[in-house]
């Protein structure tokens, strides 16, 4: 009973550590997004300034100089391209971090990368009975799932059964 409580405490500590890592990553992501949003606002202000300059040139009595308008329009295109690039950086960063959080090695069974069958532990099943059902050893199932104590499997737990 004491061993089970110690194992449960260890599992909770590991879970708390994983949550702390996830929180840290999310905080970092939030900071990066805020920085990119600030840069996007700055870019928008530059775009507004250039647009105002174009409008001023168009209102001049002598008419706008074609080279000036073309230069300002080129600046607008460059600013728009930079803005799109910043948006893509935000999306790529978020997608990458979310993918990393969703498939982190700490939460994925060790054997999942090698392929195999997934088994959901039912009431009354033991590591030995599950292994026997699939024609593998209990040690192989334990190793594939990072299980050090075979008595710690729980109903509903997903196990990878190695090939």
C-alpha atoms as a PDB file:
ATOM      1  CA  UNK A   1       0.000   0.000   0.000  1.00  0.00           C
ATOM      2  CA  UNK A   2       2.858   2.371   0.860  1.00  0.00           C
ATOM      3  CA  UNK A   3       4.519   1.573  -2.473  1.00  0.00           C
ATOM      4  CA  UNK A   4       1.305   2.421  -4.340  1.00  0.00           C
ATOM      5  CA  UNK A   5       1.054   5.737  -2.481  1.00  0.00           C
ATOM      6  CA  UNK A   6       4.695   6.527  -3.258  1.00  0.00           C
ATOM      7  CA  UNK A   7       4.119   5.684  -6.937  1.00  0.00           C
ATOM      8  CA  UNK A   8       0.985   7.840  -6.995  1.00  0.00           C
ATOM      9  CA  UNK A   9       2.917  10.700  -5.398  1.00  0.00           C
ATOM     10  CA  UNK A  10       5.701  10.310  -7.941  1.00  0.00           C
ATOM     11  CA  UNK A  11       3.193  10.282 -10.803  1.00  0.00           C
ATOM     12  CA  UNK A  12       1.524  13.425  -9.441  1.00  0.00           C
ATOM     13  CA  UNK A  13       4.896  15.161  -9.121  1.00  0.00           C
ATOM     14  CA  UNK A  14       5.748  14.236 -12.711  1.00  0.00           C
ATOM     15  CA  UNK A  15       2.348  15.488 -13.851  1.00  0.00           C
ATOM     16  CA  UNK A  16       2.867  18.769 -11.970  1.00  0.00           C
ATOM     17  CA  UNK A  17       6.299  19.110 -13.584  1.00  0.00           C
ATOM     18  CA  UNK A  18       4.807  18.544 -17.058  1.00  0.00           C
ATOM     19  CA  UNK A  19       2.118  21.135 -16.357  1.00  0.00           C
ATOM     20  CA  UNK A  20       4.775  23.617 -15.237  1.00  0.00           C
ATOM     21  CA  UNK A  21       6.701  23.041 -18.468  1.00  0.00           C
ATOM     22  CA  UNK A  22       3.532  23.511 -20.527  1.00  0.00           C
ATOM     23  CA  UNK A  23       2.710  26.712 -18.609  1.00  0.00           C
ATOM     24  CA  UNK A  24       6.227  27.994 -19.239  1.00  0.00           C
ATOM     25  CA  UNK A  25       5.929  27.269 -22.963  1.00  0.00           C
ATOM     26  CA  UNK A  26       2.538  28.969 -23.105  1.00  0.00           C
ATOM     27  CA  UNK A  27       3.931  32.048 -21.333  1.00  0.00           C
ATOM     28  CA  UNK A  28       6.776  32.179 -23.858  1.00  0.00           C
ATOM     29  CA  UNK A  29       4.288  31.860 -26.717  1.00  0.00           C
ATOM     30  CA  UNK A  30       2.144  34.650 -25.291  1.00  0.00           C
ATOM     31  CA  UNK A  31       5.190  36.932 -25.083  1.00  0.00           C
ATOM     32  CA  UNK A  32       6.152  36.128 -28.674  1.00  0.00           C
ATOM     33  CA  UNK A  33       2.610  36.791 -29.882  1.00  0.00           C
ATOM     34  CA  UNK A  34       2.520  40.119 -28.027  1.00  0.00           C
ATOM     35  CA  UNK A  35       5.835  41.101 -29.634  1.00  0.00           C
ATOM     36  CA  UNK A  36       4.565  40.167 -33.084  1.00  0.00           C
ATOM     37  CA  UNK A  37       1.315  42.066 -32.477  1.00  0.00           C
ATOM     38  CA  UNK A  38       3.335  45.147 -31.500  1.00  0.00           C
ATOM     39  CA  UNK A  39       5.411  44.821 -34.670  1.00  0.00           C
ATOM     40  CA  UNK A  40       2.250  44.417 -36.727  1.00  0.00           C
ATOM     41  CA  UNK A  41       0.795  47.616 -35.203  1.00  0.00           C
ATOM     42  CA  UNK A  42       4.015  49.454 -35.996  1.00  0.00           C
ATOM     43  CA  UNK A  43       3.891  48.166 -39.571  1.00  0.00           C
ATOM     44  CA  UNK A  44       0.257  49.253 -39.866  1.00  0.00           C
ATOM     45  CA  UNK A  45       1.237  52.744 -38.695  1.00  0.00           C
ATOM     46  CA  UNK A  46       3.956  52.875 -41.349  1.00  0.00           C
ATOM     47  CA  UNK A  47       1.445  51.788 -43.959  1.00  0.00           C
ATOM     48  CA  UNK A  48      -0.983  54.501 -42.844  1.00  0.00           C
ATOM     49  CA  UNK A  49       1.803  57.116 -43.041  1.00  0.00           C
ATOM     50  CA  UNK A  50       2.747  56.102 -46.580  1.00  0.00           C
ATOM     51  CA  UNK A  51      -0.917  56.125 -47.615  1.00  0.00           C
ATOM     52  CA  UNK A  52      -1.253  59.651 -46.187  1.00  0.00           C
ATOM     53  CA  UNK A  53       1.813  60.738 -48.184  1.00  0.00           C
ATOM     54  CA  UNK A  54       0.269  59.347 -51.372  1.00  0.00           C
ATOM     55  CA  UNK A  55      -2.962  61.182 -50.689  1.00  0.00           C
ATOM     56  CA  UNK A  56      -1.018  64.407 -50.104  1.00  0.00           C
ATOM     57  CA  UNK A  57       0.806  64.009 -53.417  1.00  0.00           C
ATOM     58  CA  UNK A  58      -2.452  63.460 -55.259  1.00  0.00           C
ATOM     59  CA  UNK A  59      -3.894  66.701 -53.845  1.00  0.00           C
ATOM     60  CA  UNK A  60      -0.974  68.855 -54.955  1.00  0.00           C
ATOM     61  CA  UNK A  61      -1.822  71.500 -57.580  1.00  0.00           C
ATOM     62  CA  UNK A  62       0.802  70.363 -60.050  1.00  0.00           C
ATOM     63  CA  UNK A  63      -0.270  66.738 -59.716  1.00  0.00           C
ATOM     64  CA  UNK A  64       1.765  63.941 -58.238  1.00  0.00           C
ATOM     65  CA  UNK A  65       5.089  63.083 -59.655  1.00  0.00           C
ATOM     66  CA  UNK A  66       4.775  59.613 -61.142  1.00  0.00           C
ATOM     67  CA  UNK A  67       8.099  58.529 -59.665  1.00  0.00           C
ATOM     68  CA  UNK A  68       7.041  59.656 -56.156  1.00  0.00           C
ATOM     69  CA  UNK A  69       3.751  57.767 -56.346  1.00  0.00           C
ATOM     70  CA  UNK A  70       5.442  54.669 -57.742  1.00  0.00           C
ATOM     71  CA  UNK A  71       8.048  54.801 -54.955  1.00  0.00           C
ATOM     72  CA  UNK A  72       5.379  55.119 -52.278  1.00  0.00           C
ATOM     73  CA  UNK A  73       3.356  52.299 -53.774  1.00  0.00           C
ATOM     74  CA  UNK A  74       6.469  50.123 -53.763  1.00  0.00           C
ATOM     75  CA  UNK A  75       6.899  50.944 -50.058  1.00  0.00           C
ATOM     76  CA  UNK A  76       3.300  49.914 -49.428  1.00  0.00           C
ATOM     77  CA  UNK A  77       3.858  46.582 -51.169  1.00  0.00           C
ATOM     78  CA  UNK A  78       7.029  46.004 -49.135  1.00  0.00           C
ATOM     79  CA  UNK A  79       5.227  46.819 -45.879  1.00  0.00           C
ATOM     80  CA  UNK A  80       2.329  44.533 -46.808  1.00  0.00           C
ATOM     81  CA  UNK A  81       4.773  41.730 -47.601  1.00  0.00           C
ATOM     82  CA  UNK A  82       6.493  42.218 -44.232  1.00  0.00           C
ATOM     83  CA  UNK A  83       3.111  42.165 -42.517  1.00  0.00           C
ATOM     84  CA  UNK A  84       2.132  38.932 -44.226  1.00  0.00           C
ATOM     85  CA  UNK A  85       5.482  37.426 -43.283  1.00  0.00           C
ATOM     86  CA  UNK A  86       4.902  38.381 -39.612  1.00  0.00           C
ATOM     87  CA  UNK A  87       1.450  36.799 -39.722  1.00  0.00           C
ATOM     88  CA  UNK A  88       2.931  33.609 -41.136  1.00  0.00           C
ATOM     89  CA  UNK A  89       5.604  33.568 -38.420  1.00  0.00           C
ATOM     90  CA  UNK A  90       2.875  33.844 -35.784  1.00  0.00           C
ATOM     91  CA  UNK A  91       0.854  31.032 -37.326  1.00  0.00           C
ATOM     92  CA  UNK A  92       3.868  28.774 -37.825  1.00  0.00           C
ATOM     93  CA  UNK A  93       5.105  29.355 -34.282  1.00  0.00           C
ATOM     94  CA  UNK A  94       1.708  28.664 -32.742  1.00  0.00           C
ATOM     95  CA  UNK A  95       1.152  25.559 -34.852  1.00  0.00           C
ATOM     96  CA  UNK A  96       4.589  24.201 -33.995  1.00  0.00           C
ATOM     97  CA  UNK A  97       4.214  24.827 -30.267  1.00  0.00           C
ATOM     98  CA  UNK A  98       0.709  23.391 -30.137  1.00  0.00           C
ATOM     99  CA  UNK A  99       1.883  20.305 -31.994  1.00  0.00           C
ATOM    100  CA  UNK A 100       4.778  19.952 -29.559  1.00  0.00           C
ATOM    101  CA  UNK A 101       2.456  20.299 -26.579  1.00  0.00           C
ATOM    102  CA  UNK A 102      -0.017  17.797 -28.016  1.00  0.00           C
ATOM    103  CA  UNK A 103       2.523  15.095 -28.759  1.00  0.00           C
ATOM    104  CA  UNK A 104       5.118  15.723 -26.100  1.00  0.00           C
ATOM    105  CA  UNK A 105       7.354  12.751 -25.404  1.00  0.00           C
ATOM    106  CA  UNK A 106       6.458  12.903 -21.711  1.00  0.00           C
ATOM    107  CA  UNK A 107       2.807  12.102 -22.417  1.00  0.00           C
ATOM    108  CA  UNK A 108       3.310   9.664 -25.298  1.00  0.00           C
ATOM    109  CA  UNK A 109       4.102   6.020 -24.636  1.00  0.00           C
ATOM    110  CA  UNK A 110       7.652   5.051 -25.535  1.00  0.00           C
ATOM    111  CA  UNK A 111       6.510   2.386 -27.998  1.00  0.00           C
ATOM    112  CA  UNK A 112       4.150   4.689 -29.877  1.00  0.00           C
ATOM    113  CA  UNK A 113       6.921   5.857 -32.197  1.00  0.00           C
ATOM    114  CA  UNK A 114       7.701   2.314 -33.317  1.00  0.00           C
ATOM    115  CA  UNK A 115       4.075   1.513 -34.094  1.00  0.00           C
ATOM    116  CA  UNK A 116       1.971  -1.199 -32.633  1.00  0.00           C
ATOM    117  CA  UNK A 117      -1.534  -1.800 -31.448  1.00  0.00           C
ATOM    118  CA  UNK A 118      -3.239   0.406 -28.917  1.00  0.00           C
ATOM    119  CA  UNK A 119      -5.051  -1.300 -26.058  1.00  0.00           C
ATOM    120  CA  UNK A 120      -7.311   0.337 -23.480  1.00  0.00           C
ATOM    121  CA  UNK A 121      -7.039  -1.335 -20.097  1.00  0.00           C
ATOM    122  CA  UNK A 122     -10.346  -2.835 -18.932  1.00  0.00           C
ATOM    123  CA  UNK A 123     -11.388  -3.719 -15.397  1.00  0.00           C
ATOM    124  CA  UNK A 124      -9.705  -6.864 -14.113  1.00  0.00           C
ATOM    125  CA  UNK A 125      -6.931  -6.869 -16.693  1.00  0.00           C
ATOM    126  CA  UNK A 126      -3.296  -7.162 -15.717  1.00  0.00           C
ATOM    127  CA  UNK A 127      -0.193  -6.474 -17.738  1.00  0.00           C
ATOM    128  CA  UNK A 128       0.331 -10.231 -18.040  1.00  0.00           C
ATOM    129  CA  UNK A 129      -3.178 -10.981 -19.321  1.00  0.00           C
ATOM    130  CA  UNK A 130      -2.992  -8.128 -21.822  1.00  0.00           C
ATOM    131  CA  UNK A 131       0.412  -9.292 -23.070  1.00  0.00           C
ATOM    132  CA  UNK A 132      -0.803 -12.886 -23.381  1.00  0.00           C
ATOM    133  CA  UNK A 133      -3.814 -11.727 -25.450  1.00  0.00           C
ATOM    134  CA  UNK A 134      -1.471 -10.164 -28.003  1.00  0.00           C
ATOM    135  CA  UNK A 135       1.173 -12.883 -27.882  1.00  0.00           C
ATOM    136  CA  UNK A 136       3.922 -10.706 -26.414  1.00  0.00           C
ATOM    137  CA  UNK A 137       5.652 -10.619 -23.053  1.00  0.00           C
ATOM    138  CA  UNK A 138       4.545  -8.442 -20.170  1.00  0.00           C
ATOM    139  CA  UNK A 139       8.081  -7.010 -20.064  1.00  0.00           C
ATOM    140  CA  UNK A 140       7.785  -5.921 -23.710  1.00  0.00           C
ATOM    141  CA  UNK A 141       4.488  -4.135 -23.018  1.00  0.00           C
ATOM    142  CA  UNK A 142       5.931  -2.518 -19.902  1.00  0.00           C
ATOM    143  CA  UNK A 143       9.025  -1.345 -21.783  1.00  0.00           C
ATOM    144  CA  UNK A 144       6.988   0.009 -24.723  1.00  0.00           C
ATOM    145  CA  UNK A 145       4.915   2.099 -22.318  1.00  0.00           C
ATOM    146  CA  UNK A 146       7.592   3.165 -19.848  1.00  0.00           C
ATOM    147  CA  UNK A 147       6.023   1.177 -17.030  1.00  0.00           C
ATOM    148  CA  UNK A 148       8.393   0.349 -14.201  1.00  0.00           C
ATOM    149  CA  UNK A 149       5.824  -1.176 -11.854  1.00  0.00           C
ATOM    150  CA  UNK A 150       3.315  -3.510 -13.555  1.00  0.00           C
ATOM    151  CA  UNK A 151       0.866  -3.002 -10.677  1.00  0.00           C
ATOM    152  CA  UNK A 152       0.354   0.654 -11.636  1.00  0.00           C
ATOM    153  CA  UNK A 153      -1.783   0.199 -14.760  1.00  0.00           C
ATOM    154  CA  UNK A 154      -5.271   1.661 -14.473  1.00  0.00           C
ATOM    155  CA  UNK A 155      -8.659   1.058 -16.064  1.00  0.00           C
ATOM    156  CA  UNK A 156      -8.968   3.262 -19.156  1.00  0.00           C
ATOM    157  CA  UNK A 157      -5.216   3.650 -19.570  1.00  0.00           C
ATOM    158  CA  UNK A 158      -4.023   3.388 -23.170  1.00  0.00           C
ATOM    159  CA  UNK A 159      -1.154   1.008 -23.741  1.00  0.00           C
ATOM    160  CA  UNK A 160       0.882   0.445 -26.875  1.00  0.00           C
ATOM    161  CA  UNK A 161       1.320  -3.224 -27.636  1.00  0.00           C
ATOM    162  CA  UNK A 162       4.608  -3.681 -29.500  1.00  0.00           C
ATOM    163  CA  UNK A 163       4.766  -5.774 -32.652  1.00  0.00           C
END
